[in-house]
PDB file of N, CA and C in Angstrom:
ATOM      1  N   MET A   1      11.337  49.155-168.325  1.00  0.00           N
ATOM      2  CA  MET A   1      11.707  50.122-167.382  1.00  0.00           C
ATOM      3  C   MET A   1      12.767  50.359-166.470  1.00  0.00           C
ATOM      4  N   PRO A   2      12.585  51.398-165.908  1.00  0.00           N
ATOM      5  CA  PRO A   2      13.932  52.313-165.553  1.00  0.00           C
ATOM      6  C   PRO A   2      14.636  51.137-164.376  1.00  0.00           C
ATOM      7  N   GLU A   3      15.644  50.894-164.361  1.00  0.00           N
ATOM      8  CA  GLU A   3      15.805  49.987-162.597  1.00  0.00           C
ATOM      9  C   GLU A   3      15.322  50.379-161.149  1.00  0.00           C
ATOM     10  N   PHE A   4      15.483  51.711-161.160  1.00  0.00           N
ATOM     11  CA  PHE A   4      14.611  52.188-159.436  1.00  0.00           C
ATOM     12  C   PHE A   4      13.644  51.671-159.681  1.00  0.00           C
ATOM     13  N   MET A   5      12.826  51.934-161.086  1.00  0.00           N
ATOM     14  CA  MET A   5      11.387  51.053-160.444  1.00  0.00           C
ATOM     15  C   MET A   5      11.329  49.566-160.753  1.00  0.00           C
ATOM     16  N   GLN A   6      12.077  48.940-161.143  1.00  0.00           N
ATOM     17  CA  GLN A   6      12.045  47.418-161.241  1.00  0.00           C
ATOM     18  C   GLN A   6      12.586  47.402-159.971  1.00  0.00           C
ATOM     19  N   THR A   7      13.280  47.703-159.430  1.00  0.00           N
ATOM     20  CA  THR A   7      13.726  47.474-158.159  1.00  0.00           C
ATOM     21  C   THR A   7      12.654  47.776-156.926  1.00  0.00           C
ATOM     22  N   THR A   8      11.767  48.624-156.893  1.00  0.00           N
ATOM     23  CA  THR A   8      10.612  49.282-156.042  1.00  0.00           C
ATOM     24  C   THR A   8       9.522  48.401-156.076  1.00  0.00           C
ATOM     25  N   PHE A   9       9.422  47.802-157.588  1.00  0.00           N
ATOM     26  CA  PHE A   9       8.479  47.070-157.822  1.00  0.00           C
ATOM     27  C   PHE A   9       8.762  45.684-156.609  1.00  0.00           C
ATOM     28  N   ALA A  10      10.492  45.231-157.821  1.00  0.00           N
ATOM     29  CA  ALA A  10      10.605  44.031-156.326  1.00  0.00           C
ATOM     30  C   ALA A  10      10.564  43.956-155.137  1.00  0.00           C
ATOM     31  N   VAL A  11      10.903  44.794-154.602  1.00  0.00           N
ATOM     32  CA  VAL A  11      11.019  45.042-153.666  1.00  0.00           C
ATOM     33  C   VAL A  11       9.230  45.284-152.679  1.00  0.00           C
ATOM     34  N   SER A  12       8.338  45.264-153.389  1.00  0.00           N
ATOM     35  CA  SER A  12       7.035  45.892-152.822  1.00  0.00           C
ATOM     36  C   SER A  12       6.403  44.318-152.740  1.00  0.00           C
ATOM     37  N   LEU A  13       6.574  43.753-154.198  1.00  0.00           N
ATOM     38  CA  LEU A  13       6.252  42.457-154.243  1.00  0.00           C
ATOM     39  C   LEU A  13       6.762  41.143-153.414  1.00  0.00           C
ATOM     40  N   GLY A  14       7.910  41.374-153.331  1.00  0.00           N
ATOM     41  CA  GLY A  14       8.678  40.768-152.022  1.00  0.00           C
ATOM     42  C   GLY A  14       8.109  41.016-151.038  1.00  0.00           C
ATOM     43  N   ALA A  15       7.870  42.117-150.325  1.00  0.00           N
ATOM     44  CA  ALA A  15       6.617  42.470-149.243  1.00  0.00           C
ATOM     45  C   ALA A  15       5.734  41.519-149.038  1.00  0.00           C
ATOM     46  N   ALA A  16       4.904  41.434-149.828  1.00  0.00           N
ATOM     47  CA  ALA A  16       3.550  41.621-149.946  1.00  0.00           C
ATOM     48  C   ALA A  16       3.345  39.952-150.079  1.00  0.00           C
ATOM     49  N   TYR A  17       4.769  39.037-150.615  1.00  0.00           N
ATOM     50  CA  TYR A  17       4.787  38.072-150.483  1.00  0.00           C
ATOM     51  C   TYR A  17       5.032  37.385-149.340  1.00  0.00           C
ATOM     52  N   ARG A  18       5.993  37.936-148.639  1.00  0.00           N
ATOM     53  CA  ARG A  18       6.827  37.302-147.485  1.00  0.00           C
ATOM     54  C   ARG A  18       5.326  37.556-146.669  1.00  0.00           C
ATOM     55  N   SER A  19       4.228  38.638-146.803  1.00  0.00           N
ATOM     56  CA  SER A  19       3.432  38.719-145.665  1.00  0.00           C
ATOM     57  C   SER A  19       2.474  37.760-145.811  1.00  0.00           C
ATOM     58  N   TRP A  20       1.994  37.457-146.902  1.00  0.00           N
ATOM     59  CA  TRP A  20       0.888  36.367-147.528  1.00  0.00           C
ATOM     60  C   TRP A  20       1.593  34.820-146.837  1.00  0.00           C
ATOM     61  N   GLU A  21       3.232  34.647-147.178  1.00  0.00           N
ATOM     62  CA  GLU A  21       3.862  33.407-146.001  1.00  0.00           C
ATOM     63  C   GLU A  21       3.335  33.258-144.830  1.00  0.00           C
ATOM     64  N   MET A  22       3.714  34.678-144.761  1.00  0.00           N
ATOM     65  CA  MET A  22       3.560  35.217-142.660  1.00  0.00           C
ATOM     66  C   MET A  22       1.893  34.421-142.217  1.00  0.00           C
ATOM     67  N   ILE A  23       1.030  35.207-143.029  1.00  0.00           N
ATOM     68  CA  ILE A  23      -0.511  34.745-142.603  1.00  0.00           C
ATOM     69  C   ILE A  23      -1.001  33.426-142.652  1.00  0.00           C
ATOM     70  N   LYS A  24      -0.276  32.643-143.749  1.00  0.00           N
ATOM     71  CA  LYS A  24      -0.673  30.870-143.629  1.00  0.00           C
ATOM     72  C   LYS A  24      -0.212  30.469-142.333  1.00  0.00           C
ATOM     73  N   SER A  25       0.642  30.913-141.668  1.00  0.00           N
ATOM     74  CA  SER A  25       1.368  30.223-140.914  1.00  0.00           C
ATOM     75  C   SER A  25       1.396  31.417-139.673  1.00  0.00           C
ATOM     76  N   PRO A  26       0.392  32.130-138.710  1.00  0.00           N
ATOM     77  CA  PRO A  26       0.644  33.179-138.024  1.00  0.00           C
ATOM     78  C   PRO A  26       1.551  32.764-136.475  1.00  0.00           C
ATOM     79  N   MET A  27       1.044  30.923-135.942  1.00  0.00           N
ATOM     80  CA  MET A  27       2.038  31.362-134.697  1.00  0.00           C
ATOM     81  C   MET A  27       2.804  31.208-135.016  1.00  0.00           C
ATOM     82  N   GLU A  28       3.993  30.594-136.051  1.00  0.00           N
ATOM     83  CA  GLU A  28       5.308  30.453-136.295  1.00  0.00           C
ATOM     84  C   GLU A  28       5.689  31.669-136.491  1.00  0.00           C
ATOM     85  N   SER A  29       5.197  32.465-137.383  1.00  0.00           N
ATOM     86  CA  SER A  29       5.430  34.163-138.233  1.00  0.00           C
ATOM     87  C   SER A  29       5.502  34.606-136.454  1.00  0.00           C
ATOM     88  N   THR A  30       4.913  34.724-136.110  1.00  0.00           N
ATOM     89  CA  THR A  30       4.406  35.865-134.176  1.00  0.00           C
ATOM     90  C   THR A  30       5.549  35.222-133.909  1.00  0.00           C
ATOM     91  N   SER A  31       6.013  34.024-133.821  1.00  0.00           N
ATOM     92  CA  SER A  31       7.161  33.993-132.525  1.00  0.00           C
ATOM     93  C   SER A  31       8.460  34.524-133.972  1.00  0.00           C
ATOM     94  N   LYS A  32       8.715  34.141-134.697  1.00  0.00           N
ATOM     95  CA  LYS A  32       9.495  35.003-135.344  1.00  0.00           C
ATOM     96  C   LYS A  32       9.795  35.995-135.067  1.00  0.00           C
ATOM     97  N   ILE A  33       8.254  36.537-135.602  1.00  0.00           N
ATOM     98  CA  ILE A  33       8.610  38.153-135.320  1.00  0.00           C
ATOM     99  C   ILE A  33       9.110  38.771-134.053  1.00  0.00           C
ATOM    100  N   PHE A  34       8.319  38.211-133.060  1.00  0.00           N
ATOM    101  CA  PHE A  34       9.128  38.623-132.028  1.00  0.00           C
ATOM    102  C   PHE A  34      10.357  38.723-131.568  1.00  0.00           C
ATOM    103  N   ASP A  35      11.383  37.529-131.624  1.00  0.00           N
ATOM    104  CA  ASP A  35      12.333  37.216-131.764  1.00  0.00           C
ATOM    105  C   ASP A  35      13.370  38.321-132.670  1.00  0.00           C
ATOM    106  N   GLN A  36      12.984  38.573-134.464  1.00  0.00           N
ATOM    107  CA  GLN A  36      13.804  39.758-134.432  1.00  0.00           C
ATOM    108  C   GLN A  36      13.116  41.409-133.798  1.00  0.00           C
ATOM    109  N   VAL A  37      12.153  41.262-132.938  1.00  0.00           N
ATOM    110  CA  VAL A  37      12.157  42.424-132.485  1.00  0.00           C
ATOM    111  C   VAL A  37      13.336  42.682-131.280  1.00  0.00           C
ATOM    112  N   LYS A  38      12.740  41.781-130.776  1.00  0.00           N
ATOM    113  CA  LYS A  38      13.632  41.623-129.392  1.00  0.00           C
ATOM    114  C   LYS A  38      15.433  42.190-129.721  1.00  0.00           C
ATOM    115  N   GLU A  39      15.597  41.428-131.721  1.00  0.00           N
ATOM    116  CA  GLU A  39      17.337  41.941-131.728  1.00  0.00           C
ATOM    117  C   GLU A  39      17.447  43.224-131.702  1.00  0.00           C
ATOM    118  N   LEU A  40      16.342  43.954-132.040  1.00  0.00           N
ATOM    119  CA  LEU A  40      16.386  45.691-132.122  1.00  0.00           C
ATOM    120  C   LEU A  40      16.895  46.247-130.637  1.00  0.00           C
ATOM    121  N   PHE A  41      17.025  45.941-129.766  1.00  0.00           N
ATOM    122  CA  PHE A  41      17.147  46.215-128.393  1.00  0.00           C
ATOM    123  C   PHE A  41      18.160  45.532-127.680  1.00  0.00           C
ATOM    124  N   VAL A  42      18.447  44.883-128.619  1.00  0.00           N
ATOM    125  CA  VAL A  42      19.719  44.095-127.842  1.00  0.00           C
ATOM    126  C   VAL A  42      20.916  45.248-128.192  1.00  0.00           C
ATOM    127  N   ILE A  43      22.043  45.671-127.192  1.00  0.00           N
ATOM    128  CA  ILE A  43      22.850  46.428-127.655  1.00  0.00           C
ATOM    129  C   ILE A  43      23.841  45.567-127.899  1.00  0.00           C
ATOM    130  N   PRO A  44      24.818  45.423-128.983  1.00  0.00           N
ATOM    131  CA  PRO A  44      26.104  44.792-128.934  1.00  0.00           C
ATOM    132  C   PRO A  44      26.636  45.660-128.157  1.00  0.00           C
ATOM    133  N   LYS A  45      27.702  43.814-127.392  1.00  0.00           N
ATOM    134  CA  LYS A  45      28.715  44.041-126.344  1.00  0.00           C
ATOM    135  C   LYS A  45      29.897  45.174-127.239  1.00  0.00           C
ATOM    136  N   ASP A  46      29.847  45.034-128.116  1.00  0.00           N
ATOM    137  CA  ASP A  46      31.157  45.871-128.716  1.00  0.00           C
ATOM    138  C   ASP A  46      31.060  47.596-128.694  1.00  0.00           C
ATOM    139  N   ALA A  47      29.641  47.920-128.265  1.00  0.00           N
ATOM    140  CA  ALA A  47      29.009  48.875-128.679  1.00  0.00           C
ATOM    141  C   ALA A  47      29.987  50.046-127.851  1.00  0.00           C
ATOM    142  N   GLY A  48      30.386  50.221-126.919  1.00  0.00           N
ATOM    143  CA  GLY A  48      31.902  50.981-126.714  1.00  0.00           C
ATOM    144  C   GLY A  48      31.487  51.389-125.341  1.00  0.00           C
ATOM    145  N   GLU A  49      31.657  52.713-124.416  1.00  0.00           N
ATOM    146  CA  GLU A  49      31.564  53.483-123.550  1.00  0.00           C
ATOM    147  C   GLU A  49      30.591  54.169-122.982  1.00  0.00           C
ATOM    148  N   GLY A  50      29.327  54.608-122.981  1.00  0.00           N
ATOM    149  CA  GLY A  50      28.467  55.992-123.439  1.00  0.00           C
ATOM    150  C   GLY A  50      27.569  55.499-123.621  1.00  0.00           C
ATOM    151  N   PHE A  51      26.397  56.717-123.300  1.00  0.00           N
ATOM    152  CA  PHE A  51      25.341  56.358-124.033  1.00  0.00           C
ATOM    153  C   PHE A  51      25.510  56.451-125.135  1.00  0.00           C
ATOM    154  N   GLN A  52      25.845  57.694-125.665  1.00  0.00           N
ATOM    155  CA  GLN A  52      26.581  57.817-127.290  1.00  0.00           C
ATOM    156  C   GLN A  52      26.754  56.773-128.017  1.00  0.00           C
ATOM    157  N   LYS A  53      27.823  56.221-127.741  1.00  0.00           N
ATOM    158  CA  LYS A  53      28.163  54.830-128.264  1.00  0.00           C
ATOM    159  C   LYS A  53      27.146  53.589-128.222  1.00  0.00           C
ATOM    160  N   LYS A  54      26.612  53.557-127.360  1.00  0.00           N
ATOM    161  CA  LYS A  54      25.551  52.462-127.297  1.00  0.00           C
ATOM    162  C   LYS A  54      24.349  53.159-128.547  1.00  0.00           C
ATOM    163  N   LEU A  55      23.869  54.510-128.122  1.00  0.00           N
ATOM    164  CA  LEU A  55      22.550  54.224-129.454  1.00  0.00           C
ATOM    165  C   LEU A  55      23.110  54.540-130.742  1.00  0.00           C
ATOM    166  N   GLU A  56      24.736  54.045-130.738  1.00  0.00           N
ATOM    167  CA  GLU A  56      25.088  54.697-132.124  1.00  0.00           C
ATOM    168  C   GLU A  56      25.113  53.140-132.951  1.00  0.00           C
ATOM    169  N   ALA A  57      25.393  52.160-131.904  1.00  0.00           N
ATOM    170  CA  ALA A  57      25.843  50.381-132.668  1.00  0.00           C
ATOM    171  C   ALA A  57      24.307  49.926-132.435  1.00  0.00           C
ATOM    172  N   LEU A  58      23.124  50.322-131.752  1.00  0.00           N
ATOM    173  CA  LEU A  58      22.053  50.519-131.891  1.00  0.00           C
ATOM    174  C   LEU A  58      21.528  51.067-133.327  1.00  0.00           C
ATOM    175  N   ALA A  59      22.002  52.311-133.775  1.00  0.00           N
ATOM    176  CA  ALA A  59      21.371  52.386-134.610  1.00  0.00           C
ATOM    177  C   ALA A  59      21.798  51.844-135.943  1.00  0.00           C
ATOM    178  N   GLY A  60      22.951  51.491-135.422  1.00  0.00           N
ATOM    179  CA  GLY A  60      23.740  50.096-136.550  1.00  0.00           C
ATOM    180  C   GLY A  60      23.082  49.262-136.850  1.00  0.00           C
ATOM    181  N   VAL A  61      22.340  48.395-135.804  1.00  0.00           N
ATOM    182  CA  VAL A  61      22.074  47.396-135.876  1.00  0.00           C
ATOM    183  C   VAL A  61      20.531  47.824-136.618  1.00  0.00           C
ATOM    184  N   TRP A  62      19.915  48.929-136.479  1.00  0.00           N
ATOM    185  CA  TRP A  62      18.680  48.724-137.095  1.00  0.00           C
ATOM    186  C   TRP A  62      18.427  49.310-138.781  1.00  0.00           C
ATOM    187  N   MET A  63      19.946  49.894-138.838  1.00  0.00           N
ATOM    188  CA  MET A  63      20.282  50.430-139.818  1.00  0.00           C
ATOM    189  C   MET A  63      20.647  48.364-141.149  1.00  0.00           C
ATOM    190  N   GLU A  64      21.174  47.984-140.324  1.00  0.00           N
ATOM    191  CA  GLU A  64      21.589  46.494-140.647  1.00  0.00           C
ATOM    192  C   GLU A  64      20.215  45.566-140.927  1.00  0.00           C
ATOM    193  N   LYS A  65      19.427  45.699-140.232  1.00  0.00           N
ATOM    194  CA  LYS A  65      18.191  44.654-139.487  1.00  0.00           C
ATOM    195  C   LYS A  65      17.310  44.953-140.949  1.00  0.00           C
ATOM    196  N   GLY A  66      17.098  46.910-141.302  1.00  0.00           N
ATOM    197  CA  GLY A  66      16.561  47.602-142.267  1.00  0.00           C
ATOM    198  C   GLY A  66      17.034  47.149-143.676  1.00  0.00           C
ATOM    199  N   ALA A  67      18.458  47.041-143.729  1.00  0.00           N
ATOM    200  CA  ALA A  67      18.771  46.651-144.888  1.00  0.00           C
ATOM    201  C   ALA A  67      18.766  44.941-145.344  1.00  0.00           C
ATOM    202  N   SER A  68      18.761  44.313-144.411  1.00  0.00           N
ATOM    203  CA  SER A  68      18.569  43.079-144.933  1.00  0.00           C
ATOM    204  C   SER A  68      16.801  42.524-145.031  1.00  0.00           C
ATOM    205  N   LEU A  69      16.314  43.641-143.993  1.00  0.00           N
ATOM    206  CA  LEU A  69      15.123  43.409-144.860  1.00  0.00           C
ATOM    207  C   LEU A  69      14.527  43.754-146.237  1.00  0.00           C
ATOM    208  N   VAL A  70      14.719  44.668-146.728  1.00  0.00           N
ATOM    209  CA  VAL A  70      15.222  45.344-148.157  1.00  0.00           C
ATOM    210  C   VAL A  70      15.612  43.957-148.955  1.00  0.00           C
ATOM    211  N   GLU A  71      16.517  43.339-148.359  1.00  0.00           N
ATOM    212  CA  GLU A  71      16.680  42.788-149.550  1.00  0.00           C
ATOM    213  C   GLU A  71      16.437  41.398-149.418  1.00  0.00           C
ATOM    214  N   SER A  72      15.980  40.780-148.302  1.00  0.00           N
ATOM    215  CA  SER A  72      15.071  39.663-148.554  1.00  0.00           C
ATOM    216  C   SER A  72      14.130  40.203-149.239  1.00  0.00           C
ATOM    217  N   CYS A  73      12.947  41.076-149.130  1.00  0.00           N
ATOM    218  CA  CYS A  73      11.789  41.198-150.034  1.00  0.00           C
ATOM    219  C   CYS A  73      12.293  41.295-151.582  1.00  0.00           C
ATOM    220  N   LYS A  74      13.590  42.481-151.362  1.00  0.00           N
ATOM    221  CA  LYS A  74      14.185  42.348-153.233  1.00  0.00           C
ATOM    222  C   LYS A  74      13.952  40.870-153.505  1.00  0.00           C
ATOM    223  N   THR A  75      14.805  39.909-152.862  1.00  0.00           N
ATOM    224  CA  THR A  75      15.046  38.742-153.542  1.00  0.00           C
ATOM    225  C   THR A  75      13.858  37.714-153.739  1.00  0.00           C
ATOM    226  N   ALA A  76      12.850  38.054-152.833  1.00  0.00           N
ATOM    227  CA  ALA A  76      11.550  36.939-152.617  1.00  0.00           C
ATOM    228  C   ALA A  76      10.851  37.990-154.149  1.00  0.00           C
ATOM    229  N   GLY A  77      10.856  39.114-154.248  1.00  0.00           N
ATOM    230  CA  GLY A  77      10.279  39.868-155.540  1.00  0.00           C
ATOM    231  C   GLY A  77      10.630  38.925-156.289  1.00  0.00           C
ATOM    232  N   GLU A  78      11.870  39.524-156.563  1.00  0.00           N
ATOM    233  CA  GLU A  78      12.884  39.007-158.069  1.00  0.00           C
ATOM    234  C   GLU A  78      12.776  37.379-158.451  1.00  0.00           C
ATOM    235  N   LYS A  79      12.507  36.549-157.164  1.00  0.00           N
ATOM    236  CA  LYS A  79      12.023  34.659-157.377  1.00  0.00           C
ATOM    237  C   LYS A  79      10.302  35.033-157.971  1.00  0.00           C
ATOM    238  N   PHE A  80       9.792  35.553-157.310  1.00  0.00           N
ATOM    239  CA  PHE A  80       8.415  35.748-157.751  1.00  0.00           C
ATOM    240  C   PHE A  80       8.115  36.147-158.974  1.00  0.00           C
ATOM    241  N   THR A  81       8.836  37.326-159.808  1.00  0.00           N
ATOM    242  CA  THR A  81       8.846  37.017-160.851  1.00  0.00           C
ATOM    243  C   THR A  81       9.379  36.820-162.181  1.00  0.00           C
ATOM    244  N   GLU A  82      10.329  36.155-161.856  1.00  0.00           N
ATOM    245  CA  GLU A  82      11.355  35.086-162.472  1.00  0.00           C
ATOM    246  C   GLU A  82      10.190  33.698-162.410  1.00  0.00           C
ATOM    247  N   GLU A  83       9.523  33.578-161.299  1.00  0.00           N
ATOM    248  CA  GLU A  83       8.550  32.328-161.595  1.00  0.00           C
ATOM    249  C   GLU A  83       7.839  32.716-162.713  1.00  0.00           C
ATOM    250  N   LYS A  84       6.870  33.540-162.482  1.00  0.00           N
ATOM    251  CA  LYS A  84       5.742  33.920-163.347  1.00  0.00           C
ATOM    252  C   LYS A  84       6.370  34.308-164.771  1.00  0.00           C
ATOM    253  N   LYS A  85       7.674  34.721-165.499  1.00  0.00           N
ATOM    254  CA  LYS A  85       8.467  34.680-166.437  1.00  0.00           C
ATOM    255  C   LYS A  85       8.062  33.412-167.293  1.00  0.00           C
ATOM    256  N   LYS A  86       8.621  32.310-166.749  1.00  0.00           N
ATOM    257  CA  LYS A  86       8.483  31.188-166.982  1.00  0.00           C
ATOM    258  C   LYS A  86       7.310  30.788-167.328  1.00  0.00           C
TER     259      LYS A  86
END
């Protein structure tokens, strides 16, 4: 299978696995989600002056959080598929 397809499958599988884990403990998951969403709207202190600089810094936060989420889903998916191979 091409690497792109393997990565896509691992991310999708990891997202499904993480969702299932969240469903198993909804109270803990809800508070964690609210904390993570709050972080998306906190402008970094080193954002600079002006509206444009603050928006650019906030966009950077969103990109970082998004990349982190995709990577964690990919890692979870890869672990899940590795466990199934054994």
